[in-house]
């Protein structure tokens, strides 16, 4: 069980790294099309965006904008970094969610109680399913565009 936990944690942080690098390399350095410019301005000035708004995003964006210092040309970059980091964390949590659901399904179908250990093959199957599922979602067009 300890070996599985280590592999599960390493796998989660590995997909975080892959997603972060992917999104970081394709991030807009300033404002892109649609609502991004509005969110950058609203986060920088801590103003209200259009409904339904995203108050948590705007507050976190303001914190990230502080990394730009007094250079106003860096505000778009740092506020866009909020989306990069939060999207990569979403992929990490998706990996861990898939492993939990896969293990629960395998426990129920094997007739084991919730405290029983799964075999190594079942553990590797859960990890492989999570890796494939989370990386497939990492590169879907809709999520990648938002990241």
N, C-alpha and C. Protein backbone atom coordinates (compact mmCIF):
# COMPACT_ATOMS: atom_id res chain seq x y z
N UNK A 1 0.82 -1.20 0.00
CA UNK A 1 0.00 0.00 0.00
C UNK A 1 0.86 1.26 0.00
N UNK A 2 1.96 1.25 0.76
CA UNK A 2 2.84 2.43 0.77
C UNK A 2 3.44 2.68 -0.60
N UNK A 3 3.83 1.60 -1.29
CA UNK A 3 4.39 1.74 -2.63
C UNK A 3 3.36 2.35 -3.58
N UNK A 4 2.10 1.94 -3.45
CA UNK A 4 1.06 2.49 -4.29
C UNK A 4 0.86 3.98 -4.00
N UNK A 5 0.86 4.35 -2.75
CA UNK A 5 0.68 5.77 -2.39
C UNK A 5 1.80 6.63 -2.97
N UNK A 6 3.02 6.13 -2.90
CA UNK A 6 4.16 6.88 -3.46
C UNK A 6 3.99 7.03 -4.97
N UNK A 7 3.64 5.93 -5.64
CA UNK A 7 3.45 5.98 -7.09
C UNK A 7 2.27 6.89 -7.47
N UNK A 8 1.21 6.86 -6.68
CA UNK A 8 0.06 7.70 -6.93
C UNK A 8 0.43 9.18 -6.80
N UNK A 9 1.17 9.52 -5.75
CA UNK A 9 1.60 10.91 -5.57
C UNK A 9 2.56 11.35 -6.67
N UNK A 10 3.51 10.49 -6.99
CA UNK A 10 4.45 10.83 -8.06
C UNK A 10 3.74 10.98 -9.41
N UNK A 11 2.81 10.10 -9.68
CA UNK A 11 2.05 10.20 -10.92
C UNK A 11 1.25 11.48 -11.00
N UNK A 12 0.64 11.87 -9.89
CA UNK A 12 -0.12 13.12 -9.86
C UNK A 12 0.76 14.32 -10.13
N UNK A 13 1.91 14.36 -9.50
CA UNK A 13 2.80 15.50 -9.72
C UNK A 13 3.48 15.45 -11.09
N UNK A 14 3.63 14.25 -11.64
CA UNK A 14 4.16 14.13 -13.00
C UNK A 14 3.18 14.73 -14.01
N UNK A 15 1.90 14.41 -13.88
CA UNK A 15 0.93 14.98 -14.82
C UNK A 15 0.78 16.48 -14.58
N UNK A 16 0.98 16.95 -13.34
CA UNK A 16 1.00 18.39 -13.11
C UNK A 16 2.12 19.03 -13.90
N UNK A 17 3.30 18.44 -13.85
CA UNK A 17 4.45 18.99 -14.56
C UNK A 17 4.22 19.00 -16.07
N UNK A 18 3.69 17.91 -16.61
CA UNK A 18 3.43 17.84 -18.05
C UNK A 18 2.40 18.90 -18.45
N UNK A 19 1.32 19.00 -17.68
CA UNK A 19 0.27 19.98 -17.99
C UNK A 19 0.80 21.40 -17.84
N UNK A 20 1.57 21.65 -16.77
CA UNK A 20 2.09 23.00 -16.55
C UNK A 20 3.01 23.42 -17.69
N UNK A 21 3.91 22.54 -18.11
CA UNK A 21 4.83 22.87 -19.20
C UNK A 21 4.03 23.09 -20.50
N UNK A 22 3.05 22.25 -20.76
CA UNK A 22 2.23 22.42 -21.97
C UNK A 22 1.53 23.77 -21.97
N UNK A 23 0.88 24.09 -20.87
CA UNK A 23 0.11 25.34 -20.81
C UNK A 23 1.03 26.55 -20.74
N UNK A 24 2.15 26.42 -20.08
CA UNK A 24 3.09 27.54 -19.97
C UNK A 24 3.68 27.90 -21.34
N UNK A 25 4.04 26.88 -22.11
CA UNK A 25 4.63 27.12 -23.42
C UNK A 25 3.64 27.71 -24.42
N UNK A 26 2.35 27.51 -24.19
CA UNK A 26 1.35 28.01 -25.12
C UNK A 26 0.55 29.18 -24.54
N UNK A 27 0.98 29.73 -23.42
CA UNK A 27 0.26 30.83 -22.77
C UNK A 27 0.43 32.13 -23.55
N UNK A 28 -0.63 32.93 -23.59
CA UNK A 28 -0.56 34.25 -24.20
C UNK A 28 0.25 35.17 -23.29
N UNK A 29 1.21 35.91 -23.82
CA UNK A 29 1.99 36.81 -22.96
C UNK A 29 1.22 38.06 -22.56
N UNK A 30 0.17 38.38 -23.29
CA UNK A 30 -0.66 39.55 -22.96
C UNK A 30 -2.11 39.10 -22.97
N UNK A 31 -2.94 39.82 -23.63
CA UNK A 31 -4.36 39.50 -23.68
C UNK A 31 -4.69 38.78 -24.97
N UNK A 32 -5.57 37.82 -24.88
CA UNK A 32 -6.01 37.12 -26.08
C UNK A 32 -7.48 37.47 -26.35
N UNK A 33 -8.07 36.80 -27.31
CA UNK A 33 -9.42 37.10 -27.75
C UNK A 33 -10.45 36.73 -26.69
N UNK A 34 -11.55 37.39 -26.68
CA UNK A 34 -12.75 37.15 -25.90
C UNK A 34 -12.69 37.91 -24.59
N UNK A 35 -12.86 37.25 -23.44
CA UNK A 35 -12.99 37.94 -22.16
C UNK A 35 -11.67 38.12 -21.41
N UNK A 36 -10.58 37.65 -21.97
CA UNK A 36 -9.31 37.67 -21.23
C UNK A 36 -8.87 39.08 -20.86
N UNK A 37 -9.00 40.00 -21.77
CA UNK A 37 -8.61 41.38 -21.48
C UNK A 37 -9.42 41.97 -20.36
N UNK A 38 -10.71 41.67 -20.34
CA UNK A 38 -11.55 42.16 -19.27
C UNK A 38 -11.14 41.57 -17.92
N UNK A 39 -10.86 40.27 -17.89
CA UNK A 39 -10.45 39.64 -16.65
C UNK A 39 -9.10 40.17 -16.17
N UNK A 40 -8.19 40.43 -17.08
CA UNK A 40 -6.89 40.97 -16.69
C UNK A 40 -7.08 42.36 -16.08
N UNK A 41 -7.86 43.19 -16.72
CA UNK A 41 -8.09 44.55 -16.18
C UNK A 41 -8.83 44.50 -14.85
N UNK A 42 -9.85 43.66 -14.75
CA UNK A 42 -10.62 43.57 -13.52
C UNK A 42 -9.79 43.00 -12.38
N UNK A 43 -8.93 42.03 -12.67
CA UNK A 43 -8.08 41.46 -11.62
C UNK A 43 -7.02 42.45 -11.17
N UNK A 44 -6.45 43.16 -12.12
CA UNK A 44 -5.40 44.12 -11.79
C UNK A 44 -5.93 45.25 -10.91
N UNK A 45 -7.11 45.74 -11.22
CA UNK A 45 -7.71 46.85 -10.46
C UNK A 45 -8.66 46.37 -9.37
N UNK A 46 -8.86 45.07 -9.23
CA UNK A 46 -9.83 44.47 -8.31
C UNK A 46 -11.21 45.07 -8.50
N UNK A 47 -11.66 45.05 -9.74
CA UNK A 47 -12.98 45.56 -10.07
C UNK A 47 -13.92 44.38 -10.35
N UNK A 48 -15.14 44.69 -10.66
CA UNK A 48 -16.14 43.67 -10.91
C UNK A 48 -16.18 43.38 -12.40
N UNK A 49 -16.05 42.10 -12.75
CA UNK A 49 -16.17 41.70 -14.14
C UNK A 49 -17.63 41.49 -14.50
N UNK A 50 -17.89 41.10 -15.75
CA UNK A 50 -19.28 40.90 -16.17
C UNK A 50 -19.87 39.67 -15.49
N UNK A 51 -21.21 39.63 -15.36
CA UNK A 51 -21.85 38.48 -14.71
C UNK A 51 -21.55 37.20 -15.47
N UNK A 52 -21.42 36.06 -14.87
CA UNK A 52 -21.57 35.85 -13.44
C UNK A 52 -20.33 36.23 -12.66
N UNK A 53 -19.29 36.69 -13.32
CA UNK A 53 -18.09 37.10 -12.60
C UNK A 53 -17.29 35.89 -12.15
N UNK A 54 -16.17 36.17 -11.60
CA UNK A 54 -15.32 35.12 -11.06
C UNK A 54 -14.51 35.74 -9.93
N UNK A 55 -15.15 36.03 -8.80
CA UNK A 55 -14.46 36.78 -7.75
C UNK A 55 -13.19 36.09 -7.24
N UNK A 56 -13.21 34.78 -7.09
CA UNK A 56 -12.01 34.09 -6.61
C UNK A 56 -10.89 34.21 -7.63
N UNK A 57 -11.21 34.02 -8.91
CA UNK A 57 -10.21 34.17 -9.97
C UNK A 57 -9.62 35.58 -9.95
N UNK A 58 -10.47 36.58 -9.77
CA UNK A 58 -9.99 37.97 -9.77
C UNK A 58 -9.09 38.25 -8.56
N UNK A 59 -9.44 37.69 -7.41
CA UNK A 59 -8.60 37.91 -6.22
C UNK A 59 -7.25 37.20 -6.36
N UNK A 60 -7.28 35.97 -6.86
CA UNK A 60 -6.02 35.26 -7.07
C UNK A 60 -5.21 35.94 -8.17
N UNK A 61 -5.88 36.45 -9.19
CA UNK A 61 -5.20 37.20 -10.24
C UNK A 61 -4.51 38.43 -9.71
N UNK A 62 -5.14 39.10 -8.76
CA UNK A 62 -4.52 40.28 -8.15
C UNK A 62 -3.24 39.88 -7.41
N UNK A 63 -3.27 38.77 -6.71
CA UNK A 63 -2.07 38.30 -6.00
C UNK A 63 -0.96 38.00 -7.01
N UNK A 64 -1.30 37.33 -8.10
CA UNK A 64 -0.29 37.02 -9.12
C UNK A 64 0.22 38.29 -9.80
N UNK A 65 -0.64 39.29 -9.93
CA UNK A 65 -0.20 40.53 -10.59
C UNK A 65 0.87 41.26 -9.76
N UNK A 66 0.93 40.97 -8.49
CA UNK A 66 1.95 41.59 -7.64
C UNK A 66 3.35 41.10 -8.00
N UNK A 67 3.45 39.93 -8.63
CA UNK A 67 4.75 39.42 -9.06
C UNK A 67 5.35 40.27 -10.19
N UNK A 68 4.50 40.99 -10.90
CA UNK A 68 4.96 41.85 -11.98
C UNK A 68 5.59 43.14 -11.50
N UNK A 69 5.43 43.45 -10.22
CA UNK A 69 6.00 44.67 -9.67
C UNK A 69 5.34 45.90 -10.28
N UNK A 70 6.15 46.90 -10.60
CA UNK A 70 5.65 48.14 -11.17
C UNK A 70 5.57 48.12 -12.69
N UNK A 71 6.00 47.03 -13.30
CA UNK A 71 6.00 46.93 -14.76
C UNK A 71 4.60 46.54 -15.25
N UNK A 72 3.84 47.52 -15.74
CA UNK A 72 2.48 47.26 -16.17
C UNK A 72 2.40 46.35 -17.38
N UNK A 73 3.48 46.25 -18.13
CA UNK A 73 3.47 45.37 -19.30
C UNK A 73 3.49 43.89 -18.91
N UNK A 74 3.77 43.59 -17.65
CA UNK A 74 3.83 42.21 -17.18
C UNK A 74 2.52 41.74 -16.54
N UNK A 75 1.52 42.62 -16.39
CA UNK A 75 0.28 42.25 -15.70
C UNK A 75 -0.47 41.15 -16.44
N UNK A 76 -0.57 41.27 -17.75
CA UNK A 76 -1.26 40.23 -18.51
C UNK A 76 -0.58 38.88 -18.38
N UNK A 77 0.74 38.89 -18.42
CA UNK A 77 1.51 37.65 -18.28
C UNK A 77 1.22 36.97 -16.94
N UNK A 78 1.30 37.73 -15.86
CA UNK A 78 1.15 37.13 -14.54
C UNK A 78 -0.29 36.74 -14.24
N UNK A 79 -1.24 37.50 -14.73
CA UNK A 79 -2.63 37.12 -14.50
C UNK A 79 -3.00 35.91 -15.36
N UNK A 80 -2.43 35.80 -16.55
CA UNK A 80 -2.63 34.59 -17.35
C UNK A 80 -1.97 33.37 -16.69
N UNK A 81 -0.94 33.61 -15.89
CA UNK A 81 -0.27 32.50 -15.17
C UNK A 81 -1.22 31.85 -14.16
N UNK A 82 -2.22 32.58 -13.68
CA UNK A 82 -3.21 31.99 -12.78
C UNK A 82 -3.91 30.84 -13.48
N UNK A 83 -4.28 31.04 -14.72
CA UNK A 83 -4.96 29.98 -15.48
C UNK A 83 -4.04 28.79 -15.72
N UNK A 84 -2.77 29.07 -15.96
CA UNK A 84 -1.81 27.98 -16.20
C UNK A 84 -1.68 27.12 -14.95
N UNK A 85 -1.45 27.75 -13.81
CA UNK A 85 -1.25 27.00 -12.56
C UNK A 85 -2.53 26.28 -12.14
N UNK A 86 -3.66 26.99 -12.17
CA UNK A 86 -4.90 26.35 -11.72
C UNK A 86 -5.34 25.23 -12.67
N UNK A 87 -5.09 25.37 -13.96
CA UNK A 87 -5.44 24.31 -14.89
C UNK A 87 -4.55 23.08 -14.71
N UNK A 88 -3.27 23.31 -14.45
CA UNK A 88 -2.37 22.18 -14.19
C UNK A 88 -2.75 21.47 -12.89
N UNK A 89 -3.17 22.24 -11.89
CA UNK A 89 -3.64 21.61 -10.64
C UNK A 89 -4.93 20.83 -10.86
N UNK A 90 -5.78 21.32 -11.75
CA UNK A 90 -7.01 20.59 -12.08
C UNK A 90 -6.69 19.23 -12.68
N UNK A 91 -5.70 19.18 -13.54
CA UNK A 91 -5.28 17.91 -14.14
C UNK A 91 -4.73 16.97 -13.07
N UNK A 92 -3.99 17.52 -12.12
CA UNK A 92 -3.46 16.71 -11.02
C UNK A 92 -4.59 16.10 -10.21
N UNK A 93 -5.58 16.91 -9.85
CA UNK A 93 -6.70 16.39 -9.07
C UNK A 93 -7.55 15.42 -9.87
N UNK A 94 -7.62 15.61 -11.18
CA UNK A 94 -8.31 14.65 -12.03
C UNK A 94 -7.60 13.30 -11.98
N UNK A 95 -6.27 13.31 -12.04
CA UNK A 95 -5.50 12.06 -11.94
C UNK A 95 -5.83 11.34 -10.64
N UNK A 96 -5.79 12.07 -9.53
CA UNK A 96 -6.05 11.44 -8.23
C UNK A 96 -7.51 10.99 -8.11
N UNK A 97 -8.43 11.70 -8.72
CA UNK A 97 -9.84 11.30 -8.69
C UNK A 97 -10.03 10.00 -9.47
N UNK A 98 -9.40 9.90 -10.62
CA UNK A 98 -9.53 8.68 -11.43
C UNK A 98 -8.95 7.48 -10.69
N UNK A 99 -7.80 7.65 -10.03
CA UNK A 99 -7.23 6.51 -9.30
C UNK A 99 -8.16 6.07 -8.17
N UNK A 100 -8.77 7.02 -7.48
CA UNK A 100 -9.68 6.66 -6.39
C UNK A 100 -10.91 5.92 -6.91
N UNK A 101 -11.48 6.44 -7.99
CA UNK A 101 -12.68 5.80 -8.54
C UNK A 101 -12.33 4.42 -9.11
N UNK A 102 -11.21 4.31 -9.80
CA UNK A 102 -10.81 3.01 -10.37
C UNK A 102 -10.58 1.99 -9.27
N UNK A 103 -9.90 2.39 -8.21
CA UNK A 103 -9.66 1.45 -7.10
C UNK A 103 -10.97 1.04 -6.42
N UNK A 104 -11.89 1.98 -6.29
CA UNK A 104 -13.17 1.67 -5.67
C UNK A 104 -13.96 0.68 -6.53
N UNK A 105 -13.96 0.90 -7.83
CA UNK A 105 -14.66 -0.01 -8.73
C UNK A 105 -14.04 -1.40 -8.68
N UNK A 106 -12.70 -1.46 -8.70
CA UNK A 106 -12.03 -2.77 -8.67
C UNK A 106 -12.25 -3.47 -7.33
N UNK A 107 -12.34 -2.73 -6.25
CA UNK A 107 -12.61 -3.33 -4.94
C UNK A 107 -14.00 -3.93 -4.92
N UNK A 108 -14.98 -3.22 -5.46
CA UNK A 108 -16.35 -3.70 -5.46
C UNK A 108 -16.54 -4.88 -6.39
N UNK A 109 -15.91 -4.85 -7.56
CA UNK A 109 -16.09 -5.95 -8.51
C UNK A 109 -15.32 -7.20 -8.10
N UNK A 110 -14.28 -7.02 -7.26
CA UNK A 110 -13.50 -8.17 -6.81
C UNK A 110 -14.12 -8.83 -5.59
N UNK A 111 -15.15 -8.22 -5.03
CA UNK A 111 -15.78 -8.77 -3.84
C UNK A 111 -14.96 -8.54 -2.58
N UNK A 112 -14.04 -7.58 -2.61
CA UNK A 112 -13.22 -7.28 -1.44
C UNK A 112 -13.90 -6.22 -0.61
N UNK A 113 -13.58 -6.20 0.70
CA UNK A 113 -14.11 -5.09 1.49
C UNK A 113 -13.20 -3.88 1.29
N UNK A 114 -13.61 -2.74 1.81
CA UNK A 114 -12.91 -1.48 1.51
C UNK A 114 -11.50 -1.43 2.09
N UNK A 115 -11.18 -2.32 3.04
CA UNK A 115 -9.84 -2.29 3.64
C UNK A 115 -8.90 -3.32 3.03
N UNK A 116 -9.38 -4.08 2.09
CA UNK A 116 -8.55 -5.10 1.46
C UNK A 116 -7.58 -4.47 0.47
N UNK A 117 -6.48 -5.15 0.28
CA UNK A 117 -5.46 -4.70 -0.67
C UNK A 117 -5.76 -5.23 -2.06
N UNK A 118 -5.55 -4.38 -3.03
CA UNK A 118 -5.66 -4.81 -4.41
C UNK A 118 -4.34 -5.42 -4.86
N UNK A 119 -4.37 -6.20 -5.91
CA UNK A 119 -3.14 -6.79 -6.44
C UNK A 119 -2.32 -5.71 -7.14
N UNK A 120 -1.08 -6.03 -7.40
CA UNK A 120 -0.21 -5.09 -8.10
C UNK A 120 -0.74 -4.74 -9.49
N UNK A 121 -1.28 -5.74 -10.17
CA UNK A 121 -1.83 -5.49 -11.50
C UNK A 121 -3.01 -4.52 -11.42
N UNK A 122 -3.86 -4.69 -10.43
CA UNK A 122 -4.99 -3.77 -10.27
C UNK A 122 -4.52 -2.36 -9.94
N UNK A 123 -3.50 -2.26 -9.10
CA UNK A 123 -2.96 -0.93 -8.78
C UNK A 123 -2.36 -0.27 -10.02
N UNK A 124 -1.60 -1.03 -10.80
CA UNK A 124 -1.02 -0.46 -12.01
C UNK A 124 -2.09 -0.11 -13.03
N UNK A 125 -3.16 -0.90 -13.06
CA UNK A 125 -4.27 -0.59 -13.96
C UNK A 125 -4.92 0.74 -13.58
N UNK A 126 -5.12 0.97 -12.30
CA UNK A 126 -5.71 2.23 -11.83
C UNK A 126 -4.79 3.40 -12.18
N UNK A 127 -3.49 3.24 -11.97
CA UNK A 127 -2.55 4.30 -12.29
C UNK A 127 -2.49 4.58 -13.80
N UNK A 128 -2.52 3.52 -14.60
CA UNK A 128 -2.48 3.70 -16.05
C UNK A 128 -3.76 4.38 -16.55
N UNK A 129 -4.90 3.98 -15.99
CA UNK A 129 -6.16 4.62 -16.38
C UNK A 129 -6.14 6.10 -16.03
N UNK A 130 -5.62 6.43 -14.86
CA UNK A 130 -5.56 7.83 -14.44
C UNK A 130 -4.59 8.62 -15.31
N UNK A 131 -3.47 8.02 -15.66
CA UNK A 131 -2.50 8.70 -16.52
C UNK A 131 -3.09 8.98 -17.90
N UNK A 132 -3.72 7.99 -18.48
CA UNK A 132 -4.31 8.15 -19.81
C UNK A 132 -5.46 9.15 -19.77
N UNK A 133 -6.33 9.02 -18.79
CA UNK A 133 -7.48 9.92 -18.69
C UNK A 133 -7.09 11.36 -18.43
N UNK A 134 -6.17 11.58 -17.52
CA UNK A 134 -5.80 12.96 -17.19
C UNK A 134 -5.00 13.61 -18.31
N UNK A 135 -4.12 12.87 -18.95
CA UNK A 135 -3.37 13.46 -20.06
C UNK A 135 -4.25 13.66 -21.29
N UNK A 136 -5.23 12.79 -21.50
CA UNK A 136 -6.16 13.01 -22.61
C UNK A 136 -6.95 14.29 -22.37
N UNK A 137 -7.36 14.53 -21.15
CA UNK A 137 -8.10 15.76 -20.84
C UNK A 137 -7.19 16.98 -20.89
N UNK A 138 -5.90 16.80 -20.57
CA UNK A 138 -4.94 17.90 -20.65
C UNK A 138 -4.92 18.50 -22.04
N UNK A 139 -4.97 17.66 -23.06
CA UNK A 139 -4.81 18.12 -24.43
C UNK A 139 -6.12 18.24 -25.19
N UNK A 140 -7.26 18.19 -24.50
CA UNK A 140 -8.51 18.46 -25.21
C UNK A 140 -8.56 19.93 -25.57
N UNK A 141 -9.16 20.22 -26.70
CA UNK A 141 -9.17 21.58 -27.22
C UNK A 141 -9.84 22.56 -26.28
N UNK A 142 -10.99 22.21 -25.74
CA UNK A 142 -11.73 23.13 -24.90
C UNK A 142 -10.98 23.48 -23.63
N UNK A 143 -10.43 22.48 -22.95
CA UNK A 143 -9.74 22.75 -21.70
C UNK A 143 -8.42 23.47 -21.96
N UNK A 144 -7.70 23.06 -22.96
CA UNK A 144 -6.41 23.69 -23.28
C UNK A 144 -6.59 25.15 -23.63
N UNK A 145 -7.64 25.47 -24.37
CA UNK A 145 -7.89 26.87 -24.74
C UNK A 145 -8.14 27.72 -23.49
N UNK A 146 -8.84 27.16 -22.51
CA UNK A 146 -9.11 27.90 -21.27
C UNK A 146 -7.88 27.98 -20.38
N UNK A 147 -6.98 27.04 -20.53
CA UNK A 147 -5.79 27.03 -19.69
C UNK A 147 -4.79 28.06 -20.16
